[in-house]
Amino acid sequence: MFGLSSKKVLYGLLSIIVVLTVLHIVSFVYFYENNLPTSDYFFKKFNFNKEKNVPSTFSTLLHFIASLLLFRIASLPLSIRKKTVFWVILGILFLFLGLDELLRIHEKIGQATSKVLDTSGIFYYAWIIPYVSVLLILSFLLLRPFLQLPASTRNGFMMAGGLFVLGAVGLEMISGWYEDTYNIADYNLYRTLPIFFMYTVEELLEMIGVTYFIYVLIKFIERYSTR
């Protein structure tokens, strides 16, 4: 990416994540200790659970970078057999995830889903149902080309995907269950320490997962691109 090695990109992106995490924690402590409204400027700009701020913009960019790299691999000549459709589908998937992060599409889908299904508990955030369903279908369709990847790339994809899904789905299900079980009102949502901990870990796992995925993709290009 931009002529940088995979390791430099990895360390650079992880450094940004560390800085954003510190700012996120500091903004929460300042907000919590001073009993500020959620509209506080510093809190809005750096809280991981807020929309259209610095962390969400960074997360969107991570998805777009991954998408660009996937499309690049699809267009490159490789020293190994290339499954172009596999890379293009993944590129489209990460493009959608970036748009979803930017436009919060999953929230709108969740609202529509909750009108059709009576969701509660771990499915308190109803978007999980259609998203996981699509994920399972894509996993089945892409299983064969995935298994044909070099072992190091395949293992890297599994590690990155595991981190991302653990955060985006696993922690979201736990926090949804917690909010539903203890009937936490919107006002108290940002003032509840367990919720703060859960969405902090959730967003960290997502960002680290996509960052590691980017690292694996660049490493793949370094190793197998013949251009």
Protein backbone atom coordinates (compact mmCIF):
# COMPACT_ATOMS: atom_id res chain seq x y z
CA MET A 1 0.00 0.00 0.00
CA PHE A 2 1.51 3.27 -1.22
CA GLY A 3 4.88 1.55 -1.54
CA LEU A 4 5.01 0.63 2.15
CA SER A 5 5.87 -2.84 3.40
CA SER A 6 3.22 -4.97 5.07
CA LYS A 7 4.91 -4.64 8.47
CA LYS A 8 5.15 -0.83 8.25
CA VAL A 9 1.47 -0.62 7.36
CA LEU A 10 0.55 -2.98 10.22
CA TYR A 11 2.55 -1.04 12.81
CA GLY A 12 1.32 2.31 11.49
CA LEU A 13 -2.35 1.33 11.64
CA LEU A 14 -1.96 -0.29 15.07
CA SER A 15 -0.32 2.91 16.34
CA ILE A 16 -3.34 4.91 15.18
CA ILE A 17 -5.65 2.44 16.93
CA VAL A 18 -3.68 2.88 20.19
CA VAL A 19 -3.95 6.68 19.96
CA LEU A 20 -7.68 6.52 19.20
CA THR A 21 -8.22 4.13 22.12
CA VAL A 22 -6.47 6.50 24.53
CA LEU A 23 -8.54 9.44 23.29
CA HIS A 24 -11.69 7.34 23.54
CA ILE A 25 -10.97 6.39 27.16
CA VAL A 26 -9.97 9.94 28.14
CA SER A 27 -13.12 11.38 26.52
CA PHE A 28 -15.27 8.89 28.45
CA VAL A 29 -13.59 9.57 31.81
CA TYR A 30 -14.00 13.34 31.29
CA PHE A 31 -17.64 12.85 30.26
CA TYR A 32 -18.40 10.43 33.12
CA GLU A 33 -16.65 12.26 35.96
CA ASN A 34 -18.15 15.63 35.03
CA ASN A 35 -21.64 14.26 34.29
CA LEU A 36 -21.62 15.90 30.85
CA PRO A 37 -24.30 15.48 28.18
CA THR A 38 -23.57 13.06 25.34
CA SER A 39 -23.45 16.09 23.05
CA ASP A 40 -20.13 17.14 24.62
CA TYR A 41 -17.76 17.92 21.72
CA PHE A 42 -14.75 15.88 22.93
CA PHE A 43 -16.95 12.90 23.80
CA LYS A 44 -18.79 12.99 20.45
CA LYS A 45 -15.56 13.24 18.45
CA PHE A 46 -13.71 10.31 20.04
CA ASN A 47 -16.23 7.90 21.57
CA PHE A 48 -16.13 4.53 19.80
CA ASN A 49 -19.91 4.14 19.91
CA LYS A 50 -20.76 7.49 18.33
CA GLU A 51 -21.41 8.06 14.63
CA LYS A 52 -19.53 10.21 12.09
CA ASN A 53 -16.56 10.97 14.32
CA VAL A 54 -12.81 10.25 14.22
CA PRO A 55 -12.89 6.53 15.20
CA SER A 56 -15.82 5.73 12.88
CA THR A 57 -14.13 7.55 9.99
CA PHE A 58 -10.93 5.60 10.60
CA SER A 59 -12.86 2.32 10.72
CA THR A 60 -14.58 3.22 7.44
CA LEU A 61 -11.22 3.93 5.82
CA LEU A 62 -9.88 0.56 7.00
CA HIS A 63 -12.73 -1.21 5.20
CA PHE A 64 -12.21 0.84 2.04
CA ILE A 65 -8.46 0.12 2.07
CA ALA A 66 -9.17 -3.61 2.39
CA SER A 67 -11.66 -3.35 -0.48
CA LEU A 68 -9.14 -1.58 -2.72
CA LEU A 69 -6.49 -4.19 -1.96
CA LEU A 70 -8.92 -7.01 -2.78
CA PHE A 71 -9.82 -5.42 -6.11
CA ARG A 72 -6.12 -4.88 -6.79
CA ILE A 73 -5.38 -8.57 -6.21
CA ALA A 74 -8.23 -9.43 -8.59
CA SER A 75 -6.53 -7.35 -11.31
CA LEU A 76 -2.92 -8.45 -10.69
CA PRO A 77 -1.07 -11.30 -12.40
CA LEU A 78 -0.12 -13.82 -9.72
CA SER A 79 2.47 -16.57 -9.49
CA ILE A 80 -0.27 -18.89 -8.20
CA ARG A 81 -3.65 -19.78 -9.63
CA LYS A 82 -6.00 -16.86 -9.19
CA LYS A 83 -9.71 -17.09 -8.43
CA THR A 84 -10.76 -13.64 -9.69
CA VAL A 85 -14.42 -13.99 -8.67
CA PHE A 86 -13.38 -14.83 -5.10
CA TRP A 87 -11.35 -11.61 -4.76
CA VAL A 88 -14.02 -9.47 -6.42
CA ILE A 89 -16.76 -10.78 -4.12
CA LEU A 90 -14.60 -10.05 -1.07
CA GLY A 91 -13.85 -6.59 -2.47
CA ILE A 92 -17.56 -5.86 -2.84
CA LEU A 93 -18.21 -7.20 0.67
CA PHE A 94 -15.66 -4.88 2.27
CA LEU A 95 -16.88 -1.95 0.17
CA PHE A 96 -20.36 -2.58 1.58
CA LEU A 97 -19.00 -2.91 5.14
CA GLY A 98 -17.24 0.44 4.73
CA LEU A 99 -20.45 2.07 3.51
CA ASP A 100 -22.30 0.37 6.35
CA GLU A 101 -19.85 1.82 8.88
CA LEU A 102 -20.31 5.25 7.31
CA LEU A 103 -24.08 5.22 6.83
CA ARG A 104 -25.09 2.79 9.64
CA ILE A 105 -27.05 0.68 7.18
CA HIS A 106 -27.22 -2.20 9.68
CA GLU A 107 -29.25 -0.07 12.09
CA LYS A 108 -31.91 0.55 9.44
CA ILE A 109 -31.96 -3.14 8.54
CA GLY A 110 -32.17 -3.98 12.26
CA GLN A 111 -35.20 -1.73 12.70
CA ALA A 112 -36.92 -3.37 9.73
CA THR A 113 -36.07 -6.85 11.03
CA SER A 114 -37.39 -6.11 14.53
CA LYS A 115 -40.74 -5.13 13.01
CA VAL A 116 -41.03 -8.55 11.40
CA LEU A 117 -39.50 -10.66 14.18
CA ASP A 118 -39.92 -10.32 17.94
CA THR A 119 -36.24 -9.97 18.79
CA SER A 120 -34.85 -9.78 22.29
CA GLY A 121 -31.96 -11.08 24.38
CA ILE A 122 -28.88 -11.84 22.29
CA PHE A 123 -30.86 -10.70 19.23
CA TYR A 124 -31.77 -7.39 20.83
CA TYR A 125 -29.82 -5.84 17.96
CA ALA A 126 -31.90 -7.43 15.23
CA TRP A 127 -29.49 -6.67 12.37
CA ILE A 128 -27.43 -9.65 13.56
CA ILE A 129 -29.99 -12.11 12.14
CA PRO A 130 -29.87 -11.08 8.44
CA TYR A 131 -26.15 -10.22 8.53
CA VAL A 132 -25.10 -13.56 10.03
CA SER A 133 -27.41 -15.36 7.59
CA VAL A 134 -25.70 -13.67 4.62
CA LEU A 135 -22.28 -14.35 6.17
CA LEU A 136 -23.04 -18.08 6.45
CA ILE A 137 -24.24 -18.22 2.83
CA LEU A 138 -21.13 -16.40 1.57
CA SER A 139 -18.89 -18.64 3.68
CA PHE A 140 -20.44 -21.71 2.07
CA LEU A 141 -20.16 -20.29 -1.47
CA LEU A 142 -16.55 -19.15 -1.00
CA LEU A 143 -15.33 -22.15 0.98
CA ARG A 144 -13.67 -23.95 -1.94
CA PRO A 145 -11.54 -21.02 -3.23
CA PHE A 146 -10.77 -20.10 0.37
CA LEU A 147 -9.38 -23.59 1.07
CA GLN A 148 -7.24 -23.31 -2.07
CA LEU A 149 -5.41 -20.24 -0.74
CA PRO A 150 -1.81 -20.64 0.47
CA ALA A 151 -1.78 -21.84 4.10
CA SER A 152 -0.28 -18.61 5.48
CA THR A 153 -2.92 -16.46 3.73
CA ARG A 154 -5.74 -18.80 4.72
CA ASN A 155 -4.66 -18.79 8.37
CA GLY A 156 -4.31 -15.01 8.30
CA PHE A 157 -7.83 -14.64 6.91
CA MET A 158 -9.16 -16.92 9.66
CA MET A 159 -7.39 -14.93 12.37
CA ALA A 160 -8.57 -11.57 11.01
CA GLY A 161 -12.11 -12.83 10.42
CA GLY A 162 -12.29 -14.42 13.85
CA LEU A 163 -11.31 -11.16 15.56
CA PHE A 164 -13.74 -9.13 13.49
CA VAL A 165 -16.73 -11.46 13.96
CA LEU A 166 -16.00 -11.85 17.67
CA GLY A 167 -16.27 -8.08 18.01
CA ALA A 168 -18.98 -7.21 15.50
CA VAL A 169 -21.29 -10.12 16.34
CA GLY A 170 -20.12 -11.74 19.59
CA LEU A 171 -19.75 -8.61 21.70
CA GLU A 172 -22.81 -7.04 20.06
CA MET A 173 -24.91 -10.03 21.11
CA ILE A 174 -23.61 -9.89 24.68
CA SER A 175 -24.16 -6.14 25.02
CA GLY A 176 -27.63 -6.48 23.45
CA TRP A 177 -28.53 -9.18 25.98
CA TYR A 178 -27.22 -6.98 28.81
CA GLU A 179 -29.17 -3.91 27.68
CA ASP A 180 -32.36 -5.93 27.22
CA THR A 181 -32.05 -7.88 30.49
CA TYR A 182 -31.34 -4.83 32.64
CA ASN A 183 -33.60 -2.49 30.65
CA ILE A 184 -30.96 0.18 30.23
CA ALA A 185 -32.48 3.40 28.92
CA ASP A 186 -30.79 5.39 26.16
CA TYR A 187 -29.74 8.07 28.65
CA ASN A 188 -27.95 5.53 30.84
CA LEU A 189 -26.42 3.64 27.94
CA TYR A 190 -23.30 5.80 27.82
CA ARG A 191 -23.02 6.00 31.60
CA THR A 192 -23.03 2.26 32.25
CA LEU A 193 -19.50 0.97 32.77
CA PRO A 194 -20.11 -2.64 31.57
CA ILE A 195 -21.61 -1.27 28.34
CA PHE A 196 -18.63 1.06 27.90
CA PHE A 197 -16.27 -1.87 28.35
CA MET A 198 -18.20 -4.04 25.89
CA TYR A 199 -18.43 -1.53 23.05
CA THR A 200 -14.80 -0.55 23.59
CA VAL A 201 -13.64 -4.17 23.19
CA GLU A 202 -16.10 -4.66 20.32
CA GLU A 203 -14.76 -1.75 18.27
CA LEU A 204 -11.15 -2.62 19.10
CA LEU A 205 -11.60 -6.19 17.86
CA GLU A 206 -13.21 -4.91 14.66
CA MET A 207 -10.44 -2.39 13.95
CA ILE A 208 -7.65 -4.83 14.80
CA GLY A 209 -9.31 -7.56 12.73
CA VAL A 210 -9.54 -5.39 9.60
CA THR A 211 -6.02 -4.03 10.18
CA TYR A 212 -4.62 -7.54 10.35
CA PHE A 213 -6.61 -8.46 7.23
CA ILE A 214 -4.99 -5.52 5.40
CA TYR A 215 -1.58 -6.77 6.56
CA VAL A 216 -2.32 -10.28 5.22
CA LEU A 217 -3.47 -8.86 1.87
CA ILE A 218 -0.36 -6.72 1.41
CA LYS A 219 1.82 -9.66 2.40
CA PHE A 220 -0.02 -11.77 -0.18
CA ILE A 221 0.68 -9.15 -2.88
CA GLU A 222 4.34 -8.93 -1.85
CA ARG A 223 4.73 -12.69 -2.09
CA TYR A 224 2.61 -13.66 -5.12
CA SER A 225 2.29 -10.63 -7.40
CA THR A 226 4.43 -10.92 -10.55
CA ARG A 227 4.08 -7.25 -11.45
